[in-house]
Amino acid sequence: MGKILQQIEKIQGILVTMDKRFDSMDGRINTVERSINQIMDFLKEHMLMRQEAYEIFVTKDEAKVMKDELLTAIDGNTKKVNDFDAELAAGRSHRLRLEGRVDKIEKKMGIASA
């Protein structure tokens, strides 16, 4: 019976040692789990979900349409600038003709121009 008690005490010692090791492993697992949870929380706060990313990014077709619309707008504005320049030149020419006529009238009437 003494031998059996010694073996039981030895087994109990082994079990106590195993309990300590398992407790230590539990602590490490809990630390890893907390770290993973922190990473997951960070990702939830800072990362976009796939659907949100698709909503933000433009497809190639949408980019082509946007490019075409932009080029059309630029062409329209360029035409307006060219038309304005032509109208400005025509207005300048018209003004010069009128000034010439006024000068002739002033000369005929003997009025000195300023």
Protein backbone atom coordinates (compact mmCIF):
# COMPACT_ATOMS: atom_id res chain seq x y z
CA MET A 1 0.00 0.00 0.00
CA GLY A 2 2.91 2.35 0.65
CA LYS A 3 4.09 1.87 -2.89
CA ILE A 4 0.67 2.71 -4.26
CA LEU A 5 0.53 5.86 -2.17
CA GLN A 6 3.95 6.88 -3.45
CA GLN A 7 2.81 6.34 -7.03
CA ILE A 8 -0.40 8.29 -6.37
CA GLU A 9 1.64 11.16 -4.87
CA LYS A 10 3.98 11.03 -7.87
CA ILE A 11 1.01 11.14 -10.24
CA GLN A 12 -0.48 14.03 -8.25
CA GLY A 13 2.85 15.89 -8.55
CA ILE A 14 2.85 15.29 -12.30
CA LEU A 15 -0.76 16.50 -12.49
CA VAL A 16 0.10 19.66 -10.52
CA THR A 17 3.03 20.32 -12.89
CA MET A 18 0.75 19.74 -15.90
CA ASP A 19 -1.86 22.09 -14.41
CA LYS A 20 0.79 24.80 -14.04
CA ARG A 21 1.90 24.28 -17.65
CA PHE A 22 -1.70 24.38 -18.90
CA ASP A 23 -2.33 27.56 -16.88
CA SER A 24 0.76 29.08 -18.46
CA MET A 25 -0.45 28.01 -21.92
CA ASP A 26 -3.90 29.45 -21.17
CA GLY A 27 -2.26 32.77 -20.28
CA ARG A 28 -0.32 32.80 -23.55
CA ILE A 29 -3.40 31.82 -25.55
CA ASN A 30 -5.38 34.60 -23.86
CA THR A 31 -2.61 37.09 -24.73
CA VAL A 32 -2.64 35.96 -28.38
CA GLU A 33 -6.44 36.11 -28.44
CA ARG A 34 -6.40 39.68 -27.06
CA SER A 35 -3.83 40.66 -29.69
CA ILE A 36 -5.96 39.14 -32.46
CA ASN A 37 -9.03 40.95 -31.13
CA GLN A 38 -7.12 44.24 -31.11
CA ILE A 39 -6.01 43.64 -34.70
CA MET A 40 -9.56 42.78 -35.74
CA ASP A 41 -10.92 45.91 -34.04
CA PHE A 42 -8.30 48.02 -35.82
CA LEU A 43 -9.15 46.45 -39.16
CA LYS A 44 -12.87 46.99 -38.60
CA GLU A 45 -12.25 50.67 -37.89
CA HIS A 46 -9.70 51.41 -40.59
CA MET A 47 -10.22 49.03 -43.48
CA LEU A 48 -12.85 49.25 -46.16
CA MET A 49 -15.12 46.39 -46.84
CA ARG A 50 -14.97 44.95 -50.33
CA GLN A 51 -18.35 46.38 -51.34
CA GLU A 52 -17.37 49.84 -50.10
CA ALA A 53 -14.19 49.62 -52.16
CA TYR A 54 -16.20 48.73 -55.27
CA GLU A 55 -18.45 51.71 -54.62
CA ILE A 56 -15.47 54.05 -54.32
CA PHE A 57 -13.43 52.88 -57.29
CA VAL A 58 -14.53 53.67 -60.81
CA THR A 59 -14.83 50.96 -63.44
CA LYS A 60 -13.03 51.29 -66.77
CA ASP A 61 -16.31 52.00 -68.55
CA GLU A 62 -17.22 54.72 -66.05
CA ALA A 63 -13.74 56.22 -66.40
CA LYS A 64 -14.11 56.24 -70.20
CA VAL A 65 -17.48 57.99 -69.94
CA MET A 66 -16.05 60.53 -67.49
CA LYS A 67 -13.07 61.10 -69.79
CA ASP A 68 -15.35 61.61 -72.79
CA GLU A 69 -17.53 64.05 -70.84
CA LEU A 70 -14.46 65.95 -69.66
CA LEU A 71 -13.02 66.17 -73.18
CA THR A 72 -16.39 67.33 -74.52
CA ALA A 73 -16.54 70.04 -71.85
CA ILE A 74 -12.97 71.12 -72.64
CA ASP A 75 -13.76 71.23 -76.38
CA GLY A 76 -16.87 73.29 -75.67
CA ASN A 77 -14.93 75.76 -73.55
CA THR A 78 -12.16 75.97 -76.16
CA LYS A 79 -14.76 76.76 -78.83
CA LYS A 80 -16.27 79.44 -76.60
CA VAL A 81 -12.83 81.02 -76.12
CA ASN A 82 -12.19 80.94 -79.87
CA ASP A 83 -15.64 82.45 -80.56
CA PHE A 84 -14.98 85.15 -77.98
CA ASP A 85 -11.61 85.94 -79.57
CA ALA A 86 -13.26 86.18 -83.00
CA GLU A 87 -16.02 88.44 -81.64
CA LEU A 88 -13.43 90.56 -79.85
CA ALA A 89 -11.43 90.96 -83.08
CA ALA A 90 -14.60 91.81 -85.01
CA GLY A 91 -15.59 94.34 -82.34
CA ARG A 92 -12.13 95.86 -82.42
CA SER A 93 -12.28 96.13 -86.22
CA HIS A 94 -15.75 97.67 -86.06
CA ARG A 95 -14.59 100.18 -83.44
CA LEU A 96 -11.58 101.13 -85.57
CA ARG A 97 -13.85 101.67 -88.61
CA LEU A 98 -16.20 103.84 -86.55
CA GLU A 99 -13.29 105.83 -85.13
CA GLY A 100 -12.05 106.39 -88.70
CA ARG A 101 -15.47 107.64 -89.76
CA VAL A 102 -15.67 109.90 -86.71
CA ASP A 103 -12.21 111.28 -87.56
CA LYS A 104 -13.39 112.07 -91.12
CA ILE A 105 -16.53 113.78 -89.80
CA GLU A 106 -14.47 115.79 -87.30
CA LYS A 107 -12.10 116.89 -90.07
CA LYS A 108 -14.99 117.97 -92.30
CA MET A 109 -16.61 119.86 -89.43
CA GLY A 110 -13.30 121.32 -88.25
CA ILE A 111 -13.56 119.79 -84.80
CA ALA A 112 -10.25 118.91 -83.16
CA SER A 113 -10.10 115.37 -81.76
CA ALA A 114 -8.67 114.80 -78.31
